[in-house]
Amino acid sequence: SKDELDRKKFRRELQMVVLKRDNFTCQMCGDKKDLQVDHIASWSENIELRFTIDNCRTLCKSCHYLITYKKEIPDKKMPWGHNFSDRKEYL
């Protein structure tokens, strides 16, 4: 699907750019583990902004979950989102 292709392209071309720009640090709490790239304007609802760097920020998994669902993550070990640490091809 276009969504899957865009996600692969984003991870390949822009994820590392955003993480480096944000010094591999969650922009909400300052954590440096379980990092993900958050799209400020929703990925699914703002297709035209998917590849706009200024629409992206680095968040840890817990903060990303909080922003997305407006509640604390029920279990920090729960797999959720697209964690940078799970992306061995970038390490």
Protein backbone atom coordinates (compact mmCIF):
# COMPACT_ATOMS: atom_id res chain seq x y z
CA SER A 1 0.00 0.00 0.00
CA LYS A 2 1.03 3.64 -0.37
CA ASP A 3 1.08 3.98 3.41
CA GLU A 4 3.53 1.07 3.82
CA LEU A 5 5.74 2.36 1.00
CA ASP A 6 5.76 5.84 2.53
CA ARG A 7 6.69 4.42 5.96
CA LYS A 8 9.63 2.51 4.46
CA LYS A 9 10.74 5.60 2.54
CA PHE A 10 10.43 7.76 5.67
CA ARG A 11 12.51 5.35 7.77
CA ARG A 12 15.12 5.03 5.03
CA GLU A 13 15.42 8.73 4.16
CA LEU A 14 14.27 10.90 7.06
CA GLN A 15 14.09 9.07 10.39
CA MET A 16 17.81 9.43 11.07
CA VAL A 17 17.78 13.09 9.98
CA VAL A 18 15.12 13.89 12.61
CA LEU A 19 16.83 11.83 15.34
CA LYS A 20 20.18 13.53 14.69
CA ARG A 21 18.60 16.99 14.58
CA ASP A 22 17.03 16.30 17.98
CA ASN A 23 20.29 14.87 19.37
CA PHE A 24 18.71 11.43 19.92
CA THR A 25 16.66 12.95 22.77
CA CYS A 26 12.93 12.91 23.49
CA GLN A 27 11.72 16.47 22.94
CA MET A 28 9.21 16.16 25.80
CA CYS A 29 10.99 14.40 28.68
CA GLY A 30 14.65 14.31 27.64
CA ASP A 31 14.91 10.49 27.64
CA LYS A 32 17.37 8.88 25.24
CA LYS A 33 15.91 5.37 24.91
CA ASP A 34 12.98 3.80 23.04
CA LEU A 35 13.06 6.71 20.59
CA GLN A 36 10.50 7.19 17.84
CA VAL A 37 9.80 9.94 15.34
CA ASP A 38 6.43 11.60 15.90
CA HIS A 39 4.55 13.45 13.20
CA ILE A 40 3.08 16.54 14.89
CA ALA A 41 0.31 16.79 12.29
CA SER A 42 -0.98 13.23 12.00
CA TRP A 43 0.68 10.83 9.52
CA SER A 44 -2.66 9.39 8.44
CA GLU A 45 -4.57 12.66 8.15
CA ASN A 46 -1.86 14.89 6.62
CA ILE A 47 -0.32 12.88 3.80
CA GLU A 48 1.20 16.04 2.28
CA LEU A 49 3.24 16.62 5.49
CA ARG A 50 4.66 13.09 5.87
CA PHE A 51 8.09 14.09 4.55
CA THR A 52 8.22 17.59 6.05
CA ILE A 53 11.01 17.63 8.65
CA ASP A 54 9.46 20.53 10.56
CA ASN A 55 6.40 18.32 11.15
CA CYS A 56 8.56 15.73 12.92
CA ARG A 57 10.06 15.45 16.38
CA THR A 58 11.84 12.80 18.40
CA LEU A 59 9.84 11.31 21.25
CA CYS A 60 10.40 8.32 23.50
CA LYS A 61 7.83 5.55 23.24
CA SER A 62 6.03 6.65 26.45
CA CYS A 63 5.68 10.30 25.39
CA HIS A 64 4.65 9.30 21.86
CA TYR A 65 1.93 7.03 23.29
CA LEU A 66 0.78 9.83 25.63
CA ILE A 67 0.55 12.32 22.74
CA THR A 68 -1.26 9.82 20.51
CA TYR A 69 -3.75 8.33 23.00
CA LYS A 70 -3.93 11.07 25.68
CA LYS A 71 -3.12 8.53 28.41
CA GLU A 72 -0.08 6.84 29.93
CA ILE A 73 1.25 3.74 28.22
CA PRO A 74 -0.15 0.77 30.21
CA ASP A 75 3.10 -1.24 30.12
CA LYS A 76 6.44 0.31 29.14
CA LYS A 77 7.60 -3.09 27.83
CA MET A 78 4.60 -3.28 25.51
CA PRO A 79 5.63 -3.13 21.86
CA TRP A 80 4.14 -0.02 20.27
CA GLY A 81 5.07 2.29 17.42
CA HIS A 82 8.22 2.19 15.36
CA ASN A 83 11.12 2.25 17.81
CA PHE A 84 14.48 3.42 16.58
CA SER A 85 16.15 0.85 18.84
CA ASP A 86 14.28 -1.90 16.95
CA ARG A 87 15.78 -0.71 13.66
CA LYS A 88 19.08 -2.61 13.59
CA GLU A 89 19.75 -1.46 10.02
CA TYR A 90 20.41 2.04 11.36
CA LEU A 91 22.80 1.02 14.16
